[in-house]
Amino acid sequence: MQDNYSIFNANIHYQHDNWAVAIWGKNLFGTQYSHLKFDLSSFLGMLEDFKGEGRRFGLDISYQF
């Protein structure tokens, strides 16, 4: 069983005329969590644990024609 967790995301968006810029971040505090778990220990002798995505940052720039 997994403990409760929180994931914090943020997005700042600026638009001027036809241009737009966005700065974003996901999982800002680097929370480690399991996205999916399979307990196959009684059948195959293993535990599959798929971890969630770590901290990510990005920049989006767009121009609208």
N, C-alpha and C. Protein backbone atom coordinates (compact mmCIF):
# COMPACT_ATOMS: atom_id res chain seq x y z
N MET A 1 0.84 -1.18 0.00
CA MET A 1 0.00 0.00 0.00
C MET A 1 0.88 1.25 0.00
N GLN A 2 0.49 2.22 -0.74
CA GLN A 2 1.26 3.45 -0.89
C GLN A 2 0.68 4.56 -0.01
N ASP A 3 1.55 5.35 0.61
CA ASP A 3 1.10 6.49 1.40
C ASP A 3 0.50 7.55 0.49
N ASN A 4 -0.33 8.42 1.08
CA ASN A 4 -0.89 9.54 0.32
C ASN A 4 0.22 10.47 -0.14
N TYR A 5 0.02 11.13 -1.26
CA TYR A 5 1.01 12.07 -1.77
C TYR A 5 0.29 13.17 -2.54
N SER A 6 0.96 14.29 -2.71
CA SER A 6 0.45 15.41 -3.50
C SER A 6 1.49 15.79 -4.54
N ILE A 7 1.02 16.18 -5.70
CA ILE A 7 1.89 16.63 -6.77
C ILE A 7 1.49 18.06 -7.12
N PHE A 8 2.47 18.96 -7.15
CA PHE A 8 2.21 20.37 -7.44
C PHE A 8 2.76 20.72 -8.82
N ASN A 9 1.88 21.32 -9.63
CA ASN A 9 2.23 21.78 -10.97
C ASN A 9 1.99 23.29 -11.03
N ALA A 10 2.68 23.97 -11.95
CA ALA A 10 2.47 25.41 -12.13
C ALA A 10 2.65 25.77 -13.60
N ASN A 11 1.98 26.85 -14.00
CA ASN A 11 2.05 27.31 -15.37
C ASN A 11 1.88 28.82 -15.38
N ILE A 12 2.80 29.53 -16.01
CA ILE A 12 2.71 30.98 -16.18
C ILE A 12 2.66 31.25 -17.69
N HIS A 13 1.62 31.97 -18.11
CA HIS A 13 1.38 32.19 -19.53
C HIS A 13 1.31 33.68 -19.81
N TYR A 14 2.00 34.12 -20.86
CA TYR A 14 1.97 35.53 -21.28
C TYR A 14 1.69 35.58 -22.77
N GLN A 15 0.78 36.46 -23.18
CA GLN A 15 0.44 36.58 -24.59
C GLN A 15 0.48 38.05 -25.00
N HIS A 16 1.09 38.32 -26.16
CA HIS A 16 1.17 39.66 -26.72
C HIS A 16 1.01 39.56 -28.23
N ASP A 17 -0.01 40.24 -28.75
CA ASP A 17 -0.35 40.16 -30.17
C ASP A 17 -0.49 38.69 -30.58
N ASN A 18 0.31 38.24 -31.52
CA ASN A 18 0.21 36.85 -31.99
C ASN A 18 1.17 35.90 -31.28
N TRP A 19 1.97 36.41 -30.38
CA TRP A 19 2.97 35.60 -29.68
C TRP A 19 2.47 35.17 -28.31
N ALA A 20 2.85 34.00 -27.91
CA ALA A 20 2.53 33.50 -26.57
C ALA A 20 3.75 32.76 -26.00
N VAL A 21 4.00 32.95 -24.73
CA VAL A 21 5.09 32.28 -24.03
C VAL A 21 4.53 31.69 -22.75
N ALA A 22 4.88 30.45 -22.48
CA ALA A 22 4.44 29.79 -21.25
C ALA A 22 5.64 29.08 -20.62
N ILE A 23 5.79 29.26 -19.33
CA ILE A 23 6.79 28.55 -18.54
C ILE A 23 6.01 27.63 -17.61
N TRP A 24 6.39 26.36 -17.56
CA TRP A 24 5.64 25.41 -16.76
C TRP A 24 6.57 24.47 -15.99
N GLY A 25 6.01 23.91 -14.94
CA GLY A 25 6.73 22.92 -14.14
C GLY A 25 5.75 21.88 -13.64
N LYS A 26 6.18 20.63 -13.63
CA LYS A 26 5.35 19.54 -13.14
C LYS A 26 6.09 18.80 -12.03
N ASN A 27 5.35 18.37 -11.03
CA ASN A 27 5.91 17.68 -9.86
C ASN A 27 7.05 18.54 -9.28
N LEU A 28 6.72 19.77 -8.95
CA LEU A 28 7.72 20.77 -8.55
C LEU A 28 8.58 20.37 -7.36
N PHE A 29 8.05 19.57 -6.46
CA PHE A 29 8.82 19.18 -5.27
C PHE A 29 9.46 17.81 -5.41
N GLY A 30 9.42 17.24 -6.61
CA GLY A 30 10.10 15.97 -6.86
C GLY A 30 9.54 14.81 -6.07
N THR A 31 8.23 14.77 -5.87
CA THR A 31 7.59 13.70 -5.11
C THR A 31 7.80 12.36 -5.82
N GLN A 32 8.24 11.37 -5.08
CA GLN A 32 8.41 10.03 -5.63
C GLN A 32 7.18 9.21 -5.29
N TYR A 33 6.58 8.61 -6.32
CA TYR A 33 5.37 7.81 -6.13
C TYR A 33 5.33 6.71 -7.18
N SER A 34 4.52 5.73 -6.90
CA SER A 34 4.34 4.63 -7.86
C SER A 34 3.09 4.88 -8.67
N HIS A 35 3.24 4.79 -9.98
CA HIS A 35 2.12 4.99 -10.89
C HIS A 35 1.28 3.71 -10.97
N LEU A 36 1.94 2.58 -10.90
CA LEU A 36 1.28 1.29 -11.04
C LEU A 36 2.14 0.21 -10.40
N LYS A 37 1.51 -0.71 -9.65
CA LYS A 37 2.24 -1.81 -9.02
C LYS A 37 1.54 -3.13 -9.30
N PHE A 38 2.33 -4.15 -9.57
CA PHE A 38 1.83 -5.51 -9.71
C PHE A 38 2.60 -6.39 -8.74
N ASP A 39 1.89 -7.08 -7.88
CA ASP A 39 2.53 -8.03 -6.97
C ASP A 39 2.43 -9.41 -7.58
N LEU A 40 3.50 -9.84 -8.22
CA LEU A 40 3.55 -11.14 -8.86
C LEU A 40 4.47 -12.09 -8.09
N SER A 41 4.69 -11.79 -6.81
CA SER A 41 5.66 -12.57 -6.03
C SER A 41 5.23 -14.02 -5.84
N SER A 42 3.94 -14.30 -5.73
CA SER A 42 3.52 -15.68 -5.54
C SER A 42 3.53 -16.47 -6.85
N PHE A 43 3.49 -15.77 -7.98
CA PHE A 43 3.44 -16.44 -9.28
C PHE A 43 4.82 -16.47 -9.97
N LEU A 44 5.44 -15.31 -10.10
CA LEU A 44 6.73 -15.21 -10.79
C LEU A 44 7.88 -14.82 -9.87
N GLY A 45 7.57 -14.54 -8.61
CA GLY A 45 8.61 -14.18 -7.66
C GLY A 45 9.15 -12.77 -7.85
N MET A 46 8.30 -11.86 -8.34
CA MET A 46 8.77 -10.48 -8.53
C MET A 46 7.65 -9.48 -8.25
N LEU A 47 8.07 -8.26 -8.01
CA LEU A 47 7.16 -7.15 -7.78
C LEU A 47 7.46 -6.09 -8.84
N GLU A 48 6.50 -5.78 -9.69
CA GLU A 48 6.66 -4.75 -10.71
C GLU A 48 6.18 -3.42 -10.13
N ASP A 49 7.03 -2.42 -10.21
CA ASP A 49 6.73 -1.11 -9.65
C ASP A 49 7.08 -0.03 -10.68
N PHE A 50 6.07 0.59 -11.26
CA PHE A 50 6.27 1.63 -12.25
C PHE A 50 6.21 2.99 -11.56
N LYS A 51 7.32 3.69 -11.52
CA LYS A 51 7.41 4.98 -10.83
C LYS A 51 6.79 6.10 -11.67
N GLY A 52 6.21 7.09 -10.98
CA GLY A 52 5.66 8.26 -11.65
C GLY A 52 6.77 9.18 -12.14
N GLU A 53 6.41 10.12 -13.00
CA GLU A 53 7.40 11.03 -13.57
C GLU A 53 7.98 11.95 -12.51
N GLY A 54 9.25 12.25 -12.63
CA GLY A 54 9.92 13.14 -11.71
C GLY A 54 9.67 14.61 -12.05
N ARG A 55 10.45 15.47 -11.44
CA ARG A 55 10.32 16.91 -11.65
C ARG A 55 10.67 17.26 -13.09
N ARG A 56 9.82 18.11 -13.71
CA ARG A 56 10.07 18.54 -15.09
C ARG A 56 9.74 20.03 -15.22
N PHE A 57 10.52 20.71 -16.05
CA PHE A 57 10.28 22.12 -16.36
C PHE A 57 10.27 22.27 -17.87
N GLY A 58 9.57 23.30 -18.35
CA GLY A 58 9.54 23.51 -19.78
C GLY A 58 9.20 24.93 -20.16
N LEU A 59 9.42 25.23 -21.42
CA LEU A 59 9.13 26.54 -21.99
C LEU A 59 8.46 26.32 -23.33
N ASP A 60 7.27 26.89 -23.50
CA ASP A 60 6.55 26.81 -24.76
C ASP A 60 6.46 28.20 -25.38
N ILE A 61 6.82 28.30 -26.64
CA ILE A 61 6.72 29.55 -27.38
C ILE A 61 5.87 29.27 -28.62
N SER A 62 4.87 30.11 -28.85
CA SER A 62 4.02 29.88 -30.01
C SER A 62 3.67 31.20 -30.70
N TYR A 63 3.40 31.06 -31.99
CA TYR A 63 2.99 32.20 -32.81
C TYR A 63 1.74 31.79 -33.57
N GLN A 64 0.71 32.61 -33.50
CA GLN A 64 -0.55 32.29 -34.17
C GLN A 64 -0.66 33.10 -35.45
N PHE A 65 -0.82 32.41 -36.59
CA PHE A 65 -0.95 33.07 -37.89
C PHE A 65 -2.34 33.60 -38.12
